[in-house]
Amino acid sequence: MTTERRILRHLTERGPLDVVELATALETHPMTVELACERLHENERVRLVGSSRYRLVDGERAGGARIDSERDDGIGTDSER
């Protein structure tokens, strides 16, 4: 599972979280999470709330089609993410 998908699932379960909280929960480096969140933000999947705190956009949810389906927006296509 890509970092982006893991972030989306975690935000669905826990609500808005900052980059450090996400990195700790996902056992990933904060810079990896920050870059993944920036990609998600650029693709309008998450919103920035305050400084380095993210939440899902309206209508986004884990287990739903937006997260589980393959989208042609480049998210999740790189195995390094």
PDB file of N, CA and C in Angstrom:
ATOM      1  N   MET A   1       0.852  -1.173   0.000  1.00  0.00           N
ATOM      2  CA  MET A   1       0.000   0.000   0.000  1.00  0.00           C
ATOM      3  C   MET A   1       0.897   1.235   0.000  1.00  0.00           C
ATOM      4  N   THR A   2       0.557   2.219  -0.808  1.00  0.00           N
ATOM      5  CA  THR A   2       1.369   3.424  -0.895  1.00  0.00           C
ATOM      6  C   THR A   2       1.238   4.277   0.359  1.00  0.00           C
ATOM      7  N   THR A   3       2.186   5.149   0.547  1.00  0.00           N
ATOM      8  CA  THR A   3       2.142   6.066   1.686  1.00  0.00           C
ATOM      9  C   THR A   3       0.881   6.921   1.620  1.00  0.00           C
ATOM     10  N   GLU A   4       0.518   7.375   0.422  1.00  0.00           N
ATOM     11  CA  GLU A   4      -0.676   8.205   0.276  1.00  0.00           C
ATOM     12  C   GLU A   4      -1.926   7.463   0.742  1.00  0.00           C
ATOM     13  N   ARG A   5      -2.076   6.227   0.327  1.00  0.00           N
ATOM     14  CA  ARG A   5      -3.255   5.457   0.726  1.00  0.00           C
ATOM     15  C   ARG A   5      -3.263   5.199   2.228  1.00  0.00           C
ATOM     16  N   ARG A   6      -2.092   4.937   2.797  1.00  0.00           N
ATOM     17  CA  ARG A   6      -1.999   4.734   4.239  1.00  0.00           C
ATOM     18  C   ARG A   6      -2.395   6.005   4.985  1.00  0.00           C
ATOM     19  N   ILE A   7      -1.969   7.162   4.476  1.00  0.00           N
ATOM     20  CA  ILE A   7      -2.326   8.444   5.088  1.00  0.00           C
ATOM     21  C   ILE A   7      -3.836   8.648   5.017  1.00  0.00           C
ATOM     22  N   LEU A   8      -4.420   8.412   3.852  1.00  0.00           N
ATOM     23  CA  LEU A   8      -5.867   8.594   3.705  1.00  0.00           C
ATOM     24  C   LEU A   8      -6.637   7.700   4.666  1.00  0.00           C
ATOM     25  N   ARG A   9      -6.220   6.460   4.780  1.00  0.00           N
ATOM     26  CA  ARG A   9      -6.897   5.539   5.700  1.00  0.00           C
ATOM     27  C   ARG A   9      -6.744   6.011   7.146  1.00  0.00           C
ATOM     28  N   HIS A  10      -5.553   6.459   7.494  1.00  0.00           N
ATOM     29  CA  HIS A  10      -5.311   6.896   8.872  1.00  0.00           C
ATOM     30  C   HIS A  10      -6.111   8.159   9.196  1.00  0.00           C
ATOM     31  N   LEU A  11      -6.184   9.092   8.261  1.00  0.00           N
ATOM     32  CA  LEU A  11      -6.967  10.304   8.485  1.00  0.00           C
ATOM     33  C   LEU A  11      -8.450   9.979   8.621  1.00  0.00           C
ATOM     34  N   THR A  12      -8.916   8.961   7.917  1.00  0.00           N
ATOM     35  CA  THR A  12     -10.311   8.540   8.043  1.00  0.00           C
ATOM     36  C   THR A  12     -10.577   8.006   9.444  1.00  0.00           C
ATOM     37  N   GLU A  13      -9.639   7.236   9.960  1.00  0.00           N
ATOM     38  CA  GLU A  13      -9.811   6.621  11.279  1.00  0.00           C
ATOM     39  C   GLU A  13      -9.621   7.607  12.421  1.00  0.00           C
ATOM     40  N   ARG A  14      -8.684   8.543  12.274  1.00  0.00           N
ATOM     41  CA  ARG A  14      -8.286   9.397  13.400  1.00  0.00           C
ATOM     42  C   ARG A  14      -8.663  10.862  13.260  1.00  0.00           C
ATOM     43  N   GLY A  15      -9.084  11.289  12.087  1.00  0.00           N
ATOM     44  CA  GLY A  15      -9.391  12.704  11.896  1.00  0.00           C
ATOM     45  C   GLY A  15      -8.146  13.503  11.570  1.00  0.00           C
ATOM     46  N   PRO A  16      -8.223  14.819  11.630  1.00  0.00           N
ATOM     47  CA  PRO A  16      -7.071  15.664  11.289  1.00  0.00           C
ATOM     48  C   PRO A  16      -5.857  15.363  12.160  1.00  0.00           C
ATOM     49  N   LEU A  17      -4.710  15.248  11.505  1.00  0.00           N
ATOM     50  CA  LEU A  17      -3.445  14.982  12.197  1.00  0.00           C
ATOM     51  C   LEU A  17      -2.336  15.787  11.547  1.00  0.00           C
ATOM     52  N   ASP A  18      -1.315  16.084  12.347  1.00  0.00           N
ATOM     53  CA  ASP A  18      -0.176  16.769  11.747  1.00  0.00           C
ATOM     54  C   ASP A  18       0.819  15.740  11.212  1.00  0.00           C
ATOM     55  N   VAL A  19       1.806  16.231  10.500  1.00  0.00           N
ATOM     56  CA  VAL A  19       2.773  15.366   9.825  1.00  0.00           C
ATOM     57  C   VAL A  19       3.521  14.469  10.806  1.00  0.00           C
ATOM     58  N   VAL A  20       3.919  15.004  11.942  1.00  0.00           N
ATOM     59  CA  VAL A  20       4.662  14.212  12.925  1.00  0.00           C
ATOM     60  C   VAL A  20       3.789  13.093  13.492  1.00  0.00           C
ATOM     61  N   GLU A  21       2.531  13.403  13.791  1.00  0.00           N
ATOM     62  CA  GLU A  21       1.612  12.377  14.288  1.00  0.00           C
ATOM     63  C   GLU A  21       1.407  11.273  13.247  1.00  0.00           C
ATOM     64  N   LEU A  22       1.241  11.659  11.986  1.00  0.00           N
ATOM     65  CA  LEU A  22       1.082  10.667  10.922  1.00  0.00           C
ATOM     66  C   LEU A  22       2.349   9.831  10.764  1.00  0.00           C
ATOM     67  N   ALA A  23       3.496  10.478  10.781  1.00  0.00           N
ATOM     68  CA  ALA A  23       4.762   9.762  10.622  1.00  0.00           C
ATOM     69  C   ALA A  23       4.964   8.754  11.751  1.00  0.00           C
ATOM     70  N   THR A  24       4.633   9.143  12.956  1.00  0.00           N
ATOM     71  CA  THR A  24       4.758   8.244  14.099  1.00  0.00           C
ATOM     72  C   THR A  24       3.815   7.058  13.951  1.00  0.00           C
ATOM     73  N   ALA A  25       2.574   7.335  13.617  1.00  0.00           N
ATOM     74  CA  ALA A  25       1.573   6.271  13.476  1.00  0.00           C
ATOM     75  C   ALA A  25       1.903   5.312  12.344  1.00  0.00           C
ATOM     76  N   LEU A  26       2.460   5.842  11.257  1.00  0.00           N
ATOM     77  CA  LEU A  26       2.770   5.018  10.087  1.00  0.00           C
ATOM     78  C   LEU A  26       4.196   4.470  10.111  1.00  0.00           C
ATOM     79  N   GLU A  27       4.939   4.831  11.163  1.00  0.00           N
ATOM     80  CA  GLU A  27       6.333   4.414  11.303  1.00  0.00           C
ATOM     81  C   GLU A  27       7.131   4.755  10.044  1.00  0.00           C
ATOM     82  N   THR A  28       6.992   6.017   9.644  1.00  0.00           N
ATOM     83  CA  THR A  28       7.624   6.538   8.435  1.00  0.00           C
ATOM     84  C   THR A  28       8.286   7.862   8.776  1.00  0.00           C
ATOM     85  N   HIS A  29       9.302   8.223   8.033  1.00  0.00           N
ATOM     86  CA  HIS A  29      10.000   9.491   8.252  1.00  0.00           C
ATOM     87  C   HIS A  29       9.047  10.661   7.981  1.00  0.00           C
ATOM     88  N   PRO A  30       9.092  11.705   8.803  1.00  0.00           N
ATOM     89  CA  PRO A  30       8.212  12.858   8.606  1.00  0.00           C
ATOM     90  C   PRO A  30       8.320  13.499   7.215  1.00  0.00           C
ATOM     91  N   MET A  31       9.511  13.522   6.628  1.00  0.00           N
ATOM     92  CA  MET A  31       9.657  14.115   5.295  1.00  0.00           C
ATOM     93  C   MET A  31       8.916  13.283   4.250  1.00  0.00           C
ATOM     94  N   THR A  32       8.910  11.963   4.404  1.00  0.00           N
ATOM     95  CA  THR A  32       8.162  11.094   3.499  1.00  0.00           C
ATOM     96  C   THR A  32       6.678  11.404   3.594  1.00  0.00           C
ATOM     97  N   VAL A  33       6.184  11.587   4.812  1.00  0.00           N
ATOM     98  CA  VAL A  33       4.773  11.908   5.029  1.00  0.00           C
ATOM     99  C   VAL A  33       4.459  13.296   4.491  1.00  0.00           C
ATOM    100  N   GLU A  34       5.327  14.261   4.743  1.00  0.00           N
ATOM    101  CA  GLU A  34       5.105  15.628   4.259  1.00  0.00           C
ATOM    102  C   GLU A  34       4.987  15.652   2.736  1.00  0.00           C
ATOM    103  N   LEU A  35       5.883  14.972   2.051  1.00  0.00           N
ATOM    104  CA  LEU A  35       5.834  14.944   0.590  1.00  0.00           C
ATOM    105  C   LEU A  35       4.578  14.242   0.081  1.00  0.00           C
ATOM    106  N   ALA A  36       4.191  13.153   0.734  1.00  0.00           N
ATOM    107  CA  ALA A  36       2.973  12.441   0.344  1.00  0.00           C
ATOM    108  C   ALA A  36       1.745  13.322   0.584  1.00  0.00           C
ATOM    109  N   CYS A  37       1.715  14.027   1.699  1.00  0.00           N
ATOM    110  CA  CYS A  37       0.591  14.924   1.991  1.00  0.00           C
ATOM    111  C   CYS A  37       0.531  16.068   0.982  1.00  0.00           C
ATOM    112  N   GLU A  38       1.682  16.579   0.570  1.00  0.00           N
ATOM    113  CA  GLU A  38       1.702  17.628  -0.448  1.00  0.00           C
ATOM    114  C   GLU A  38       1.121  17.119  -1.762  1.00  0.00           C
ATOM    115  N   ARG A  39       1.462  15.879  -2.136  1.00  0.00           N
ATOM    116  CA  ARG A  39       0.885  15.298  -3.357  1.00  0.00           C
ATOM    117  C   ARG A  39      -0.622  15.135  -3.215  1.00  0.00           C
ATOM    118  N   LEU A  40      -1.073  14.664  -2.068  1.00  0.00           N
ATOM    119  CA  LEU A  40      -2.504  14.508  -1.826  1.00  0.00           C
ATOM    120  C   LEU A  40      -3.211  15.868  -1.849  1.00  0.00           C
ATOM    121  N   HIS A  41      -2.573  16.879  -1.310  1.00  0.00           N
ATOM    122  CA  HIS A  41      -3.135  18.225  -1.302  1.00  0.00           C
ATOM    123  C   HIS A  41      -3.238  18.769  -2.728  1.00  0.00           C
ATOM    124  N   GLU A  42      -2.192  18.591  -3.517  1.00  0.00           N
ATOM    125  CA  GLU A  42      -2.201  19.035  -4.912  1.00  0.00           C
ATOM    126  C   GLU A  42      -3.312  18.360  -5.708  1.00  0.00           C
ATOM    127  N   ASN A  43      -3.634  17.126  -5.358  1.00  0.00           N
ATOM    128  CA  ASN A  43      -4.681  16.366  -6.048  1.00  0.00           C
ATOM    129  C   ASN A  43      -6.035  16.490  -5.357  1.00  0.00           C
ATOM    130  N   GLU A  44      -6.131  17.454  -4.425  1.00  0.00           N
ATOM    131  CA  GLU A  44      -7.371  17.779  -3.728  1.00  0.00           C
ATOM    132  C   GLU A  44      -7.996  16.595  -2.994  1.00  0.00           C
ATOM    133  N   ARG A  45      -7.148  15.793  -2.370  1.00  0.00           N
ATOM    134  CA  ARG A  45      -7.634  14.656  -1.576  1.00  0.00           C
ATOM    135  C   ARG A  45      -7.588  14.968  -0.086  1.00  0.00           C
ATOM    136  N   VAL A  46      -6.698  15.893   0.313  1.00  0.00           N
ATOM    137  CA  VAL A  46      -6.627  16.353   1.698  1.00  0.00           C
ATOM    138  C   VAL A  46      -6.563  17.877   1.709  1.00  0.00           C
ATOM    139  N   ARG A  47      -6.901  18.442   2.858  1.00  0.00           N
ATOM    140  CA  ARG A  47      -6.819  19.888   3.052  1.00  0.00           C
ATOM    141  C   ARG A  47      -5.812  20.177   4.151  1.00  0.00           C
ATOM    142  N   LEU A  48      -5.103  21.257   3.985  1.00  0.00           N
ATOM    143  CA  LEU A  48      -4.181  21.728   5.003  1.00  0.00           C
ATOM    144  C   LEU A  48      -4.979  22.546   6.005  1.00  0.00           C
ATOM    145  N   VAL A  49      -4.859  22.171   7.276  1.00  0.00           N
ATOM    146  CA  VAL A  49      -5.579  22.853   8.357  1.00  0.00           C
ATOM    147  C   VAL A  49      -4.520  23.352   9.322  1.00  0.00           C
ATOM    148  N   GLY A  50      -4.234  24.621   9.270  1.00  0.00           N
ATOM    149  CA  GLY A  50      -3.176  25.152  10.121  1.00  0.00           C
ATOM    150  C   GLY A  50      -1.814  24.837   9.527  1.00  0.00           C
ATOM    151  N   SER A  51      -0.851  24.693  10.385  1.00  0.00           N
ATOM    152  CA  SER A  51       0.520  24.448   9.951  1.00  0.00           C
ATOM    153  C   SER A  51       0.851  22.957  10.014  1.00  0.00           C
ATOM    154  N   SER A  52       1.036  22.338   8.853  1.00  0.00           N
ATOM    155  CA  SER A  52       1.401  20.919   8.730  1.00  0.00           C
ATOM    156  C   SER A  52       0.359  19.962   9.313  1.00  0.00           C
ATOM    157  N   ARG A  53      -0.879  20.381   9.375  1.00  0.00           N
ATOM    158  CA  ARG A  53      -1.968  19.530   9.859  1.00  0.00           C
ATOM    159  C   ARG A  53      -2.909  19.301   8.687  1.00  0.00           C
ATOM    160  N   TYR A  54      -3.257  18.034   8.460  1.00  0.00           N
ATOM    161  CA  TYR A  54      -4.070  17.680   7.303  1.00  0.00           C
ATOM    162  C   TYR A  54      -5.357  16.982   7.720  1.00  0.00           C
ATOM    163  N   ARG A  55      -6.385  17.149   6.874  1.00  0.00           N
ATOM    164  CA  ARG A  55      -7.638  16.432   7.047  1.00  0.00           C
ATOM    165  C   ARG A  55      -8.126  16.041   5.651  1.00  0.00           C
ATOM    166  N   LEU A  56      -9.031  15.080   5.602  1.00  0.00           N
ATOM    167  CA  LEU A  56      -9.608  14.661   4.332  1.00  0.00           C
ATOM    168  C   LEU A  56     -10.492  15.764   3.775  1.00  0.00           C
ATOM    169  N   VAL A  57     -10.557  15.860   2.453  1.00  0.00           N
ATOM    170  CA  VAL A  57     -11.518  16.781   1.846  1.00  0.00           C
ATOM    171  C   VAL A  57     -12.905  16.180   1.996  1.00  0.00           C
ATOM    172  N   ASP A  58     -13.918  17.000   1.873  1.00  0.00           N
ATOM    173  CA  ASP A  58     -15.292  16.511   1.956  1.00  0.00           C
ATOM    174  C   ASP A  58     -15.515  15.434   0.897  1.00  0.00           C
ATOM    175  N   GLY A  59     -16.132  14.343   1.293  1.00  0.00           N
ATOM    176  CA  GLY A  59     -16.426  13.255   0.366  1.00  0.00           C
ATOM    177  C   GLY A  59     -15.346  12.199   0.280  1.00  0.00           C
ATOM    178  N   GLU A  60     -14.174  12.463   0.825  1.00  0.00           N
ATOM    179  CA  GLU A  60     -13.073  11.483   0.820  1.00  0.00           C
ATOM    180  C   GLU A  60     -13.241  10.581   2.020  1.00  0.00           C
ATOM    181  N   ARG A  61     -13.075   9.281   1.831  1.00  0.00           N
ATOM    182  CA  ARG A  61     -13.163   8.370   2.969  1.00  0.00           C
ATOM    183  C   ARG A  61     -12.442   7.071   2.640  1.00  0.00           C
ATOM    184  N   ALA A  62     -11.908   6.444   3.648  1.00  0.00           N
ATOM    185  CA  ALA A  62     -11.244   5.155   3.461  1.00  0.00           C
ATOM    186  C   ALA A  62     -12.298   4.109   3.173  1.00  0.00           C
ATOM    187  N   GLY A  63     -11.948   3.162   2.329  1.00  0.00           N
ATOM    188  CA  GLY A  63     -12.875   2.106   1.981  1.00  0.00           C
ATOM    189  C   GLY A  63     -13.806   2.499   0.859  1.00  0.00           C
ATOM    190  N   GLY A  64     -13.796   3.773   0.506  1.00  0.00           N
ATOM    191  CA  GLY A  64     -14.644   4.261  -0.572  1.00  0.00           C
ATOM    192  C   GLY A  64     -13.925   4.198  -1.897  1.00  0.00           C
ATOM    193  N   ALA A  65     -14.638   4.476  -2.940  1.00  0.00           N
ATOM    194  CA  ALA A  65     -14.097   4.373  -4.287  1.00  0.00           C
ATOM    195  C   ALA A  65     -12.920   5.310  -4.525  1.00  0.00           C
ATOM    196  N   ARG A  66     -12.926   6.486  -3.912  1.00  0.00           N
ATOM    197  CA  ARG A  66     -11.852   7.441  -4.189  1.00  0.00           C
ATOM    198  C   ARG A  66     -10.505   6.930  -3.706  1.00  0.00           C
ATOM    199  N   ILE A  67     -10.468   6.213  -2.612  1.00  0.00           N
ATOM    200  CA  ILE A  67      -9.194   5.722  -2.102  1.00  0.00           C
ATOM    201  C   ILE A  67      -8.827   4.393  -2.741  1.00  0.00           C
ATOM    202  N   ASP A  68      -9.774   3.489  -2.843  1.00  0.00           N
ATOM    203  CA  ASP A  68      -9.474   2.143  -3.287  1.00  0.00           C
ATOM    204  C   ASP A  68      -9.359   1.985  -4.790  1.00  0.00           C
ATOM    205  N   SER A  69      -9.916   2.886  -5.558  1.00  0.00           N
ATOM    206  CA  SER A  69      -9.834   2.748  -7.011  1.00  0.00           C
ATOM    207  C   SER A  69      -8.534   3.352  -7.504  1.00  0.00           C
ATOM    208  N   GLU A  70      -8.059   2.857  -8.611  1.00  0.00           N
ATOM    209  CA  GLU A  70      -6.872   3.420  -9.223  1.00  0.00           C
ATOM    210  C   GLU A  70      -7.295   4.673  -9.962  1.00  0.00           C
ATOM    211  N   ARG A  71      -6.653   5.773  -9.655  1.00  0.00           N
ATOM    212  CA  ARG A  71      -6.956   7.028 -10.317  1.00  0.00           C
ATOM    213  C   ARG A  71      -5.819   7.368 -11.250  1.00  0.00           C
ATOM    214  N   ASP A  72      -6.136   8.081 -12.297  1.00  0.00           N
ATOM    215  CA  ASP A  72      -5.130   8.470 -13.268  1.00  0.00           C
ATOM    216  C   ASP A  72      -4.568   9.845 -12.926  1.00  0.00           C
ATOM    217  N   ASP A  73      -4.207  10.042 -11.643  1.00  0.00           N
ATOM    218  CA  ASP A  73      -3.655  11.327 -11.224  1.00  0.00           C
ATOM    219  C   ASP A  73      -2.210  11.201 -10.757  1.00  0.00           C
ATOM    220  N   GLY A  74      -1.643   9.998 -10.912  1.00  0.00           N
ATOM    221  CA  GLY A  74      -0.256   9.796 -10.538  1.00  0.00           C
ATOM    222  C   GLY A  74      -0.053   9.374  -9.101  1.00  0.00           C
ATOM    223  N   ILE A  75      -1.079   9.441  -8.280  1.00  0.00           N
ATOM    224  CA  ILE A  75      -0.940   9.033  -6.880  1.00  0.00           C
ATOM    225  C   ILE A  75      -0.896   7.528  -6.801  1.00  0.00           C
ATOM    226  N   GLY A  76       0.099   7.043  -6.105  1.00  0.00           N
ATOM    227  CA  GLY A  76       0.193   5.612  -5.859  1.00  0.00           C
ATOM    228  C   GLY A  76       0.824   4.824  -6.988  1.00  0.00           C
ATOM    229  N   THR A  77       1.368   5.502  -7.998  1.00  0.00           N
ATOM    230  CA  THR A  77       1.962   4.764  -9.095  1.00  0.00           C
ATOM    231  C   THR A  77       3.439   4.486  -8.875  1.00  0.00           C
ATOM    232  N   ASP A  78       4.049   5.187  -7.947  1.00  0.00           N
ATOM    233  CA  ASP A  78       5.461   5.019  -7.675  1.00  0.00           C
ATOM    234  C   ASP A  78       5.628   4.124  -6.457  1.00  0.00           C
ATOM    235  N   SER A  79       6.282   3.006  -6.618  1.00  0.00           N
ATOM    236  CA  SER A  79       6.421   2.054  -5.510  1.00  0.00           C
ATOM    237  C   SER A  79       7.272   2.606  -4.376  1.00  0.00           C
ATOM    238  N   GLU A  80       8.019   3.676  -4.616  1.00  0.00           N
ATOM    239  CA  GLU A  80       8.826   4.286  -3.567  1.00  0.00           C
ATOM    240  C   GLU A  80       7.970   5.080  -2.599  1.00  0.00           C
ATOM    241  N   ARG A  81       6.763   5.435  -2.965  1.00  0.00           N
ATOM    242  CA  ARG A  81       5.909   6.244  -2.102  1.00  0.00           C
ATOM    243  C   ARG A  81       5.321   5.367  -1.091  1.00  0.00           C
TER     244      ARG A  81
END
